[in-house]
């Protein structure tokens, strides 16, 4: 460029003044446009390239850190495997005496229980008029007195006919009176109702035939009458009838464990075997 400028200057000495001015203006005008931007943009371009390279390197480093940090995934893979192995080993290590489909039957789906999930619930479905329920009473009483603290025992009176409905009202009346502190010996009254029906000739067919039995156990006439006709008794009767239907109970006495297993003395092979089976089923539930 400098040589060009010298040549132009020499020609200008021999030319007219106007031509010299025009040639100089034409030649000098591109100088700031042609040279200055090139020199100024060269430096920012290198900086941008370096910045882009640094950004790409940072992104690559970030991606590599995420890929290498697999601690969460490894934890989620390990935990279920450990739990599955633990559960399987506990269940298979025990030899079960009683068989599903032969000694007890699984209800699908599992049905509701009276109490919460904090304990395993064993429910006896019975009728005061049932002679087999009367026979079973001492067996289930002894079992209940020695049951595991993690097991809840309840009774559900079935309501298949008008007399059974009245007897269910007897049972739930005695249950609420005991809860409210108005009945000191609920188990004694429960056994007395069996005695009345099967040995004393009292079929417990009306309120008037039931009230004297409650009176013998220290329940006042007023407390008995208020509870007998109470909303609480009526509500418990509705729940009991619904559970008996859900459990598909067709005979009594029947035992249901945690809304899942249904069995009886006939299925288990006898009264002692039934108590043993109840314990085995509660252990099964405890290993879940």
Protein backbone atom coordinates (compact mmCIF):
# COMPACT_ATOMS: atom_id res chain seq x y z
CA UNK A 1 0.00 0.00 0.00
CA UNK A 2 2.84 2.42 0.78
CA UNK A 3 4.37 1.87 -2.72
CA UNK A 4 1.02 2.68 -4.25
CA UNK A 5 0.82 5.90 -2.33
CA UNK A 6 4.33 6.99 -3.60
CA UNK A 7 3.44 6.24 -7.20
CA UNK A 8 0.29 8.23 -6.97
CA UNK A 9 2.17 11.11 -5.45
CA UNK A 10 4.65 11.18 -8.36
CA UNK A 11 1.88 11.28 -10.92
CA UNK A 12 0.20 14.05 -9.01
CA UNK A 13 3.25 16.32 -9.43
CA UNK A 14 2.73 16.37 -13.18
CA UNK A 15 -1.04 16.59 -13.09
CA UNK A 16 -3.38 19.43 -12.50
CA UNK A 17 -4.14 20.59 -8.98
CA UNK A 18 -7.73 19.44 -9.18
CA UNK A 19 -6.80 16.01 -10.44
CA UNK A 20 -4.19 15.65 -7.65
CA UNK A 21 -6.78 16.51 -5.02
CA UNK A 22 -9.31 14.05 -6.46
CA UNK A 23 -6.83 11.20 -6.75
CA UNK A 24 -5.59 11.78 -3.21
CA UNK A 25 -9.14 11.86 -1.81
CA UNK A 26 -10.03 8.68 -3.62
CA UNK A 27 -6.90 6.86 -2.50
CA UNK A 28 -6.91 8.06 1.10
CA UNK A 29 -10.61 7.49 1.71
CA UNK A 30 -10.36 3.68 1.77
CA UNK A 31 -7.46 3.84 4.25
CA UNK A 32 -9.55 3.98 7.40
CA UNK A 33 -12.16 1.63 5.96
CA UNK A 34 -9.79 -0.99 4.59
CA UNK A 35 -7.17 -1.16 7.32
CA UNK A 36 -8.63 -0.09 10.63
CA UNK A 37 -11.58 -2.47 10.82
CA UNK A 38 -9.38 -5.43 9.91
CA UNK A 39 -6.92 -4.65 12.68
CA UNK A 40 -9.68 -3.98 15.26
CA UNK A 41 -11.86 -6.99 14.44
CA UNK A 42 -8.96 -9.43 14.47
CA UNK A 43 -8.55 -9.13 18.22
CA UNK A 44 -12.23 -9.60 19.18
CA UNK A 45 -12.50 -12.61 16.86
CA UNK A 46 -9.69 -14.39 18.67
CA UNK A 47 -11.29 -13.54 22.04
CA UNK A 48 -14.65 -14.90 20.93
CA UNK A 49 -13.05 -18.10 19.69
CA UNK A 50 -11.22 -18.51 22.95
CA UNK A 51 -14.46 -17.85 24.91
CA UNK A 52 -16.38 -20.35 22.83
CA UNK A 53 -13.67 -22.95 23.32
CA UNK A 54 -13.72 -22.32 27.07
CA UNK A 55 -17.54 -22.60 27.15
CA UNK A 56 -17.48 -25.87 25.23
CA UNK A 57 -14.82 -27.23 27.58
CA UNK A 58 -16.94 -26.23 30.59
CA UNK A 59 -20.01 -27.94 29.12
CA UNK A 60 -18.01 -31.09 28.43
CA UNK A 61 -16.69 -31.07 32.00
CA UNK A 62 -20.21 -30.61 33.39
CA UNK A 63 -21.55 -33.50 31.34
CA UNK A 64 -18.72 -35.72 32.45
CA UNK A 65 -19.46 -34.96 36.13
CA UNK A 66 -23.13 -35.89 35.72
CA UNK A 67 -22.26 -39.13 33.96
CA UNK A 68 -19.73 -40.12 36.58
CA UNK A 69 -22.00 -39.24 39.52
CA UNK A 70 -24.21 -42.34 39.56
CA UNK A 71 -24.59 -42.59 43.35
CA UNK A 72 -28.38 -42.11 43.31
CA UNK A 73 -28.97 -44.74 40.68
CA UNK A 74 -26.76 -47.25 42.46
CA UNK A 75 -28.65 -46.65 45.73
CA UNK A 76 -32.07 -47.21 44.16
CA UNK A 77 -30.87 -50.40 42.53
CA UNK A 78 -29.35 -51.80 45.72
CA UNK A 79 -32.16 -51.06 48.20
CA UNK A 80 -34.99 -53.15 46.68
CA UNK A 81 -32.63 -56.06 46.11
CA UNK A 82 -31.63 -56.13 49.77
CA UNK A 83 -35.24 -55.91 50.95
CA UNK A 84 -36.40 -58.61 48.57
CA UNK A 85 -33.67 -60.97 49.72
CA UNK A 86 -34.46 -60.30 53.37
CA UNK A 87 -38.19 -60.94 52.97
CA UNK A 88 -37.66 -64.07 50.89
CA UNK A 89 -35.19 -65.59 53.31
CA UNK A 90 -37.49 -65.06 56.32
CA UNK A 91 -40.50 -66.54 54.57
CA UNK A 92 -38.82 -69.55 52.98
CA UNK A 93 -36.78 -70.38 56.08
CA UNK A 94 -39.96 -71.35 57.97
CA UNK A 95 -41.82 -74.58 57.24
CA UNK A 96 -45.57 -74.02 57.30
CA UNK A 97 -47.79 -76.80 58.60
CA UNK A 98 -51.08 -75.64 57.09
CA UNK A 99 -51.79 -75.22 53.38
CA UNK A 100 -53.74 -72.58 51.52
CA UNK A 101 -56.74 -74.03 49.73
CA UNK A 102 -56.91 -76.95 52.16
CA UNK A 103 -56.84 -75.60 55.71
CA UNK A 104 -57.57 -71.95 54.99
CA UNK A 105 -58.66 -69.79 52.07
CA UNK A 106 -57.30 -66.49 50.85
CA UNK A 107 -59.83 -63.75 50.11
CA UNK A 108 -59.11 -61.79 46.95
CA UNK A 109 -59.05 -58.86 47.22
CA UNK A 110 -58.18 -58.42 50.88
CA UNK A 111 -61.18 -57.06 52.79
CA UNK A 112 -61.46 -54.30 55.42
CA UNK A 113 -60.97 -54.87 59.12
CA UNK A 114 -62.62 -53.30 62.15
CA UNK A 115 -59.42 -51.87 63.61
CA UNK A 116 -56.44 -50.10 62.08
CA UNK A 117 -53.33 -51.49 60.44
CA UNK A 118 -51.24 -51.09 63.61
CA UNK A 119 -52.10 -54.67 64.61
CA UNK A 120 -53.00 -57.96 62.93
CA UNK A 121 -56.71 -58.54 63.41
CA UNK A 122 -58.31 -61.90 64.18
CA UNK A 123 -62.11 -61.90 63.93
CA UNK A 124 -64.43 -64.64 65.18
CA UNK A 125 -67.81 -64.69 63.46
CA UNK A 126 -70.40 -66.40 65.65
CA UNK A 127 -74.02 -66.68 66.80
CA UNK A 128 -75.28 -67.16 70.35
CA UNK A 129 -77.71 -69.77 69.05
CA UNK A 130 -74.92 -71.81 67.39
CA UNK A 131 -73.95 -74.95 69.41
CA UNK A 132 -70.53 -75.13 67.73
CA UNK A 133 -69.83 -71.52 68.71
CA UNK A 134 -70.72 -72.47 72.29
CA UNK A 135 -68.28 -75.40 72.10
CA UNK A 136 -65.54 -73.23 70.64
CA UNK A 137 -65.82 -70.53 73.31
CA UNK A 138 -63.33 -71.97 75.86
CA UNK A 139 -60.76 -72.59 73.09
CA UNK A 140 -60.92 -69.12 71.63
CA UNK A 141 -61.01 -67.57 75.11
CA UNK A 142 -57.76 -69.28 76.09
CA UNK A 143 -56.16 -68.35 72.78
CA UNK A 144 -57.21 -64.70 73.18
CA UNK A 145 -55.77 -64.49 76.69
CA UNK A 146 -52.37 -65.69 75.46
CA UNK A 147 -52.23 -64.05 72.05
CA UNK A 148 -49.30 -61.98 70.83
CA UNK A 149 -49.46 -58.27 71.83
CA UNK A 150 -49.35 -57.37 68.13
CA UNK A 151 -52.64 -59.21 67.48
CA UNK A 152 -56.09 -57.69 67.97
CA UNK A 153 -59.03 -60.05 68.70
CA UNK A 154 -62.61 -59.08 67.91
CA UNK A 155 -65.97 -60.83 67.59
CA UNK A 156 -68.55 -60.24 64.86
CA UNK A 157 -72.05 -61.66 65.44
CA UNK A 158 -73.67 -62.73 62.17
CA UNK A 159 -77.18 -61.51 61.34
CA UNK A 160 -78.75 -64.13 59.09
CA UNK A 161 -82.24 -64.06 60.58
CA UNK A 162 -84.41 -61.99 62.95
CA UNK A 163 -83.21 -63.83 66.05
CA UNK A 164 -79.59 -63.44 64.99
CA UNK A 165 -80.16 -59.70 64.53
CA UNK A 166 -81.45 -59.45 68.10
CA UNK A 167 -78.47 -61.46 69.37
CA UNK A 168 -76.10 -59.14 67.50
CA UNK A 169 -77.80 -56.25 69.33
CA UNK A 170 -77.07 -58.05 72.61
CA UNK A 171 -73.40 -58.40 71.80
CA UNK A 172 -72.82 -54.81 70.68
CA UNK A 173 -74.80 -53.46 73.66
CA UNK A 174 -72.53 -55.36 76.04
CA UNK A 175 -69.46 -54.16 74.11
CA UNK A 176 -70.38 -50.47 74.39
CA UNK A 177 -71.42 -50.77 78.05
CA UNK A 178 -68.00 -52.30 78.80
CA UNK A 179 -66.21 -49.54 76.90
CA UNK A 180 -68.12 -46.87 78.83
CA UNK A 181 -67.33 -48.48 82.18
CA UNK A 182 -70.91 -49.62 82.84
CA UNK A 183 -70.14 -53.34 82.61
CA UNK A 184 -67.36 -54.69 84.82
CA UNK A 185 -67.19 -58.25 83.44
CA UNK A 186 -67.91 -58.26 79.69
CA UNK A 187 -66.42 -61.74 79.10
CA UNK A 188 -68.60 -63.15 81.90
CA UNK A 189 -71.74 -61.67 80.35
CA UNK A 190 -70.76 -62.97 76.92
CA UNK A 191 -70.43 -66.50 78.29
CA UNK A 192 -73.68 -66.09 80.24
CA UNK A 193 -75.57 -65.42 77.01
CA UNK A 194 -74.41 -68.80 75.65
CA UNK A 195 -75.48 -70.42 78.91
CA UNK A 196 -78.90 -68.75 78.77
CA UNK A 197 -79.61 -70.04 75.30
CA UNK A 198 -78.13 -73.55 75.44
CA UNK A 199 -78.61 -74.56 79.08
CA UNK A 200 -81.21 -72.36 80.76
CA UNK A 201 -83.87 -72.43 78.07
CA UNK A 202 -83.85 -68.65 77.56
CA UNK A 203 -83.79 -68.13 73.78
CA UNK A 204 -83.18 -64.41 74.18
CA UNK A 205 -86.00 -63.50 71.82
CA UNK A 206 -86.85 -60.03 73.15
CA UNK A 207 -85.52 -57.05 75.06
CA UNK A 208 -87.44 -58.18 78.14
CA UNK A 209 -85.72 -61.58 78.12
CA UNK A 210 -82.30 -59.98 77.70
CA UNK A 211 -82.46 -57.15 80.27
CA UNK A 212 -82.42 -59.43 83.38
CA UNK A 213 -79.12 -60.98 82.25
CA UNK A 214 -77.52 -57.54 82.03
CA UNK A 215 -78.96 -56.68 85.44
CA UNK A 216 -77.26 -59.75 86.97
CA UNK A 217 -73.94 -58.25 85.89
CA UNK A 218 -74.60 -54.89 87.54
CA UNK A 219 -75.97 -52.91 84.60
CA UNK A 220 -78.72 -50.49 85.57
CA UNK A 221 -82.02 -50.57 83.72
CA UNK A 222 -81.44 -47.01 82.49
CA UNK A 223 -77.94 -47.68 81.17
CA UNK A 224 -79.16 -50.82 79.46
CA UNK A 225 -82.15 -49.10 77.81
CA UNK A 226 -80.12 -46.11 76.56
CA UNK A 227 -77.41 -48.29 75.11
CA UNK A 228 -79.77 -50.90 73.66
CA UNK A 229 -81.45 -48.30 71.45
CA UNK A 230 -78.36 -46.14 70.84
CA UNK A 231 -76.97 -44.98 67.52
CA UNK A 232 -73.62 -46.62 68.39
CA UNK A 233 -75.16 -50.07 68.63
CA UNK A 234 -77.05 -49.56 65.40
CA UNK A 235 -73.89 -48.41 63.63
CA UNK A 236 -71.86 -51.39 64.86
CA UNK A 237 -74.59 -53.74 63.65
CA UNK A 238 -74.43 -52.24 60.16
CA UNK A 239 -70.63 -52.55 60.03
CA UNK A 240 -70.75 -56.13 61.33
CA UNK A 241 -73.34 -57.20 58.77
CA UNK A 242 -71.29 -55.62 55.97
CA UNK A 243 -68.07 -57.35 57.04
CA UNK A 244 -69.77 -60.76 57.29
CA UNK A 245 -70.99 -60.28 53.72
CA UNK A 246 -67.58 -59.16 52.49
CA UNK A 247 -65.91 -62.13 54.18
CA UNK A 248 -68.38 -64.45 52.42
CA UNK A 249 -69.16 -66.29 55.66
CA UNK A 250 -71.65 -69.11 55.12
CA UNK A 251 -71.30 -70.94 58.43
CA UNK A 252 -70.24 -70.27 62.02
CA UNK A 253 -67.96 -70.28 63.82
CA UNK A 254 -65.60 -68.85 61.21
CA UNK A 255 -62.30 -67.10 61.82
CA UNK A 256 -60.91 -64.38 59.56
CA UNK A 257 -57.30 -63.22 59.89
CA UNK A 258 -56.57 -59.61 58.91
CA UNK A 259 -59.30 -59.50 56.29
CA UNK A 260 -57.24 -61.90 54.16
CA UNK A 261 -57.56 -65.52 55.37
CA UNK A 262 -60.77 -67.39 56.23
CA UNK A 263 -60.86 -70.70 58.09
CA UNK A 264 -62.79 -72.84 60.57
CA UNK A 265 -62.38 -75.88 62.80
CA UNK A 266 -63.68 -78.09 60.00
CA UNK A 267 -61.03 -76.73 57.62
CA UNK A 268 -58.18 -76.89 60.14
CA UNK A 269 -59.05 -80.39 61.40
CA UNK A 270 -60.23 -79.66 64.95
CA UNK A 271 -60.41 -77.03 67.67
CA UNK A 272 -56.79 -77.29 68.78
CA UNK A 273 -55.64 -77.27 65.17
CA UNK A 274 -57.71 -74.17 64.51
CA UNK A 275 -55.97 -72.28 67.32
CA UNK A 276 -52.62 -73.42 65.98
CA UNK A 277 -53.56 -72.33 62.47
CA UNK A 278 -54.62 -68.89 63.70
CA UNK A 279 -51.16 -68.42 65.21
CA UNK A 280 -49.50 -69.55 61.99
CA UNK A 281 -51.54 -67.13 59.90
CA UNK A 282 -50.74 -64.22 62.19
CA UNK A 283 -47.04 -65.09 61.88
CA UNK A 284 -47.41 -65.09 58.08
CA UNK A 285 -48.93 -61.64 58.23
CA UNK A 286 -46.15 -60.45 60.52
CA UNK A 287 -43.52 -61.44 57.93
CA UNK A 288 -45.06 -59.33 55.17
